[in-house]
Protein backbone atom coordinates (compact mmCIF):
# COMPACT_ATOMS: atom_id res chain seq x y z
CA UNK A 1 -90.86 -130.05 -91.28
CA UNK A 2 -91.79 -133.51 -92.57
CA UNK A 3 -95.33 -134.82 -92.01
CA UNK A 4 -95.80 -138.56 -92.47
CA UNK A 5 -99.33 -139.99 -92.56
CA UNK A 6 -101.05 -142.40 -94.94
CA UNK A 7 -104.32 -140.43 -94.71
CA UNK A 8 -104.19 -137.65 -97.30
CA UNK A 9 -106.77 -135.53 -95.45
CA UNK A 10 -104.76 -135.68 -92.21
CA UNK A 11 -101.53 -134.86 -94.08
CA UNK A 12 -103.20 -131.82 -95.65
CA UNK A 13 -104.73 -130.72 -92.33
CA UNK A 14 -101.36 -130.86 -90.58
CA UNK A 15 -99.56 -129.22 -93.51
CA UNK A 16 -102.01 -126.30 -93.78
CA UNK A 17 -102.02 -125.61 -90.03
CA UNK A 18 -98.23 -125.55 -89.90
CA UNK A 19 -97.85 -123.49 -93.06
CA UNK A 20 -100.24 -120.90 -91.61
CA UNK A 21 -97.72 -120.55 -88.76
CA UNK A 22 -94.81 -120.05 -91.16
CA UNK A 23 -93.38 -123.58 -91.29
CA UNK A 24 -92.16 -125.09 -94.56
CA UNK A 25 -93.80 -128.49 -94.81
CA UNK A 26 -93.05 -131.55 -96.93
CA UNK A 27 -95.29 -134.62 -96.71
CA UNK A 28 -94.83 -138.36 -97.13
CA UNK A 29 -97.50 -141.07 -97.31
CA UNK A 30 -95.68 -143.71 -95.25
CA UNK A 31 -92.49 -144.56 -93.44
CA UNK A 32 -90.71 -145.88 -96.52
CA UNK A 33 -91.31 -142.61 -98.35
CA UNK A 34 -90.20 -140.72 -95.22
CA UNK A 35 -86.86 -142.52 -95.24
CA UNK A 36 -86.39 -141.57 -98.90
CA UNK A 37 -87.34 -137.91 -98.40
CA UNK A 38 -85.76 -137.13 -95.01
CA UNK A 39 -82.20 -136.90 -96.34
CA UNK A 40 -83.25 -134.65 -99.23
CA UNK A 41 -85.23 -132.09 -97.20
CA UNK A 42 -83.40 -132.27 -93.85
CA UNK A 43 -86.42 -131.26 -91.75
CA UNK A 44 -86.29 -129.69 -88.29
CA UNK A 45 -89.03 -132.06 -87.04
CA UNK A 46 -90.78 -135.21 -88.28
CA UNK A 47 -94.34 -136.11 -87.30
CA UNK A 48 -95.30 -139.76 -87.75
CA UNK A 49 -98.59 -141.60 -87.76
CA UNK A 50 -98.28 -145.10 -86.31
CA UNK A 51 -100.45 -147.27 -88.55
CA UNK A 52 -99.25 -146.92 -92.16
CA UNK A 53 -98.65 -149.33 -95.05
CA UNK A 54 -95.17 -150.55 -96.03
CA UNK A 55 -93.39 -149.15 -92.96
CA UNK A 56 -95.26 -148.04 -89.84
CA UNK A 57 -94.39 -145.02 -87.72
CA UNK A 58 -92.69 -146.89 -84.89
CA UNK A 59 -90.39 -148.84 -87.22
CA UNK A 60 -89.70 -145.63 -89.12
CA UNK A 61 -88.75 -143.89 -85.86
CA UNK A 62 -86.43 -146.77 -84.97
CA UNK A 63 -84.70 -146.53 -88.36
CA UNK A 64 -84.34 -142.76 -88.05
CA UNK A 65 -82.77 -143.20 -84.60
CA UNK A 66 -80.33 -145.86 -85.88
CA UNK A 67 -79.03 -143.61 -88.69
CA UNK A 68 -76.27 -141.21 -87.56
CA UNK A 69 -77.61 -138.56 -89.96
CA UNK A 70 -81.06 -138.51 -88.30
CA UNK A 71 -80.28 -139.78 -84.80
CA UNK A 72 -81.02 -136.43 -83.14
CA UNK A 73 -83.90 -135.38 -85.37
CA UNK A 74 -86.93 -134.51 -83.21
CA UNK A 75 -89.70 -137.08 -83.75
CA UNK A 76 -93.35 -136.79 -82.74
CA UNK A 77 -96.01 -139.46 -82.99
CA UNK A 78 -99.34 -137.99 -84.09
CA UNK A 79 -101.75 -140.88 -83.68
CA UNK A 80 -104.37 -142.40 -81.39
CA UNK A 81 -101.56 -142.75 -78.82
CA UNK A 82 -102.58 -145.93 -77.05
CA UNK A 83 -100.46 -146.92 -74.07
CA UNK A 84 -98.75 -149.50 -76.32
CA UNK A 85 -97.84 -146.79 -78.84
CA UNK A 86 -96.52 -144.53 -76.11
CA UNK A 87 -94.41 -147.32 -74.58
CA UNK A 88 -93.13 -148.51 -77.96
CA UNK A 89 -92.47 -144.92 -79.03
CA UNK A 90 -90.47 -144.19 -75.90
CA UNK A 91 -88.51 -147.41 -76.44
CA UNK A 92 -87.40 -146.30 -79.91
CA UNK A 93 -86.69 -142.71 -78.90
CA UNK A 94 -89.76 -140.69 -79.92
CA UNK A 95 -89.64 -137.21 -78.39
CA UNK A 96 -93.32 -136.32 -78.14
CA UNK A 97 -96.85 -137.59 -78.67
CA UNK A 98 -100.00 -135.88 -79.89
CA UNK A 99 -103.26 -137.81 -79.68
CA UNK A 100 -105.71 -137.75 -82.57
CA UNK A 101 -108.07 -136.02 -82.72
CA UNK A 102 -106.15 -132.88 -81.78
CA UNK A 103 -106.65 -129.15 -81.78
CA UNK A 104 -104.55 -127.29 -84.36
CA UNK A 105 -103.07 -125.12 -81.58
CA UNK A 106 -101.76 -128.27 -79.86
CA UNK A 107 -100.04 -129.37 -83.06
CA UNK A 108 -98.44 -125.97 -83.56
CA UNK A 109 -97.27 -125.89 -79.93
CA UNK A 110 -95.74 -129.37 -80.26
CA UNK A 111 -93.79 -128.46 -83.39
CA UNK A 112 -92.67 -125.09 -82.00
CA UNK A 113 -91.37 -126.73 -78.83
CA UNK A 114 -89.47 -129.41 -80.74
CA UNK A 115 -87.96 -126.85 -83.13
CA UNK A 116 -86.94 -124.60 -80.24
CA UNK A 117 -85.33 -127.51 -78.42
CA UNK A 118 -83.42 -128.52 -81.54
CA UNK A 119 -82.24 -124.97 -82.24
CA UNK A 120 -81.28 -124.56 -78.59
CA UNK A 121 -78.66 -127.23 -79.14
CA UNK A 122 -80.13 -129.75 -76.71
CA UNK A 123 -79.60 -133.27 -77.88
CA UNK A 124 -82.15 -135.99 -77.33
CA UNK A 125 -82.55 -136.82 -73.68
CA UNK A 126 -81.79 -133.26 -72.61
CA UNK A 127 -84.32 -130.54 -72.06
CA UNK A 128 -87.80 -130.92 -70.67
CA UNK A 129 -89.46 -133.65 -72.68
CA UNK A 130 -91.52 -134.78 -69.70
CA UNK A 131 -93.22 -131.39 -69.82
CA UNK A 132 -93.50 -131.66 -73.59
CA UNK A 133 -95.23 -135.00 -73.30
CA UNK A 134 -97.69 -133.87 -70.65
CA UNK A 135 -98.57 -130.69 -72.51
CA UNK A 136 -99.47 -132.81 -75.51
CA UNK A 137 -101.83 -135.19 -73.79
CA UNK A 138 -99.70 -138.12 -72.74
CA UNK A 139 -101.04 -139.18 -69.35
CA UNK A 140 -98.82 -138.39 -66.39
CA UNK A 141 -99.36 -141.91 -65.08
CA UNK A 142 -98.12 -143.45 -68.32
CA UNK A 143 -95.01 -141.28 -68.40
CA UNK A 144 -94.33 -141.71 -64.67
CA UNK A 145 -94.79 -145.46 -64.91
CA UNK A 146 -92.55 -145.62 -67.96
CA UNK A 147 -89.88 -143.42 -66.38
CA UNK A 148 -89.73 -145.71 -63.36
CA UNK A 149 -89.36 -148.85 -65.49
């Protein structure tokens, strides 16, 4: 599990909540550091904040998707999740969204679902990511509107 957020308090909050559930967690302070670390730790899931220095979460997601080594790595945006971020995230291949502020149980559920989907052998685009998105607070209207585009 790789947690990427420029806010140290948020990184620690996410890390502690996931470690309490048995996940091994590595953190990075921005997208550039994520791209350096991701090949060393080979995480099951990456969570990304959107607004970060050097390399933001959406550009980081796009780079992860363009690399054959990380193309199928489950990616979740953990951010304010504006409609722009949701649309841009879907465009670059983000798998799930969790709006800040969030309940720790929502975070754990998001990560568990992404890990289970990865271990189940489903590649991106397969499985039930519409359910995953709605469970995690992405508005049905946004997803339905985006799916019809």
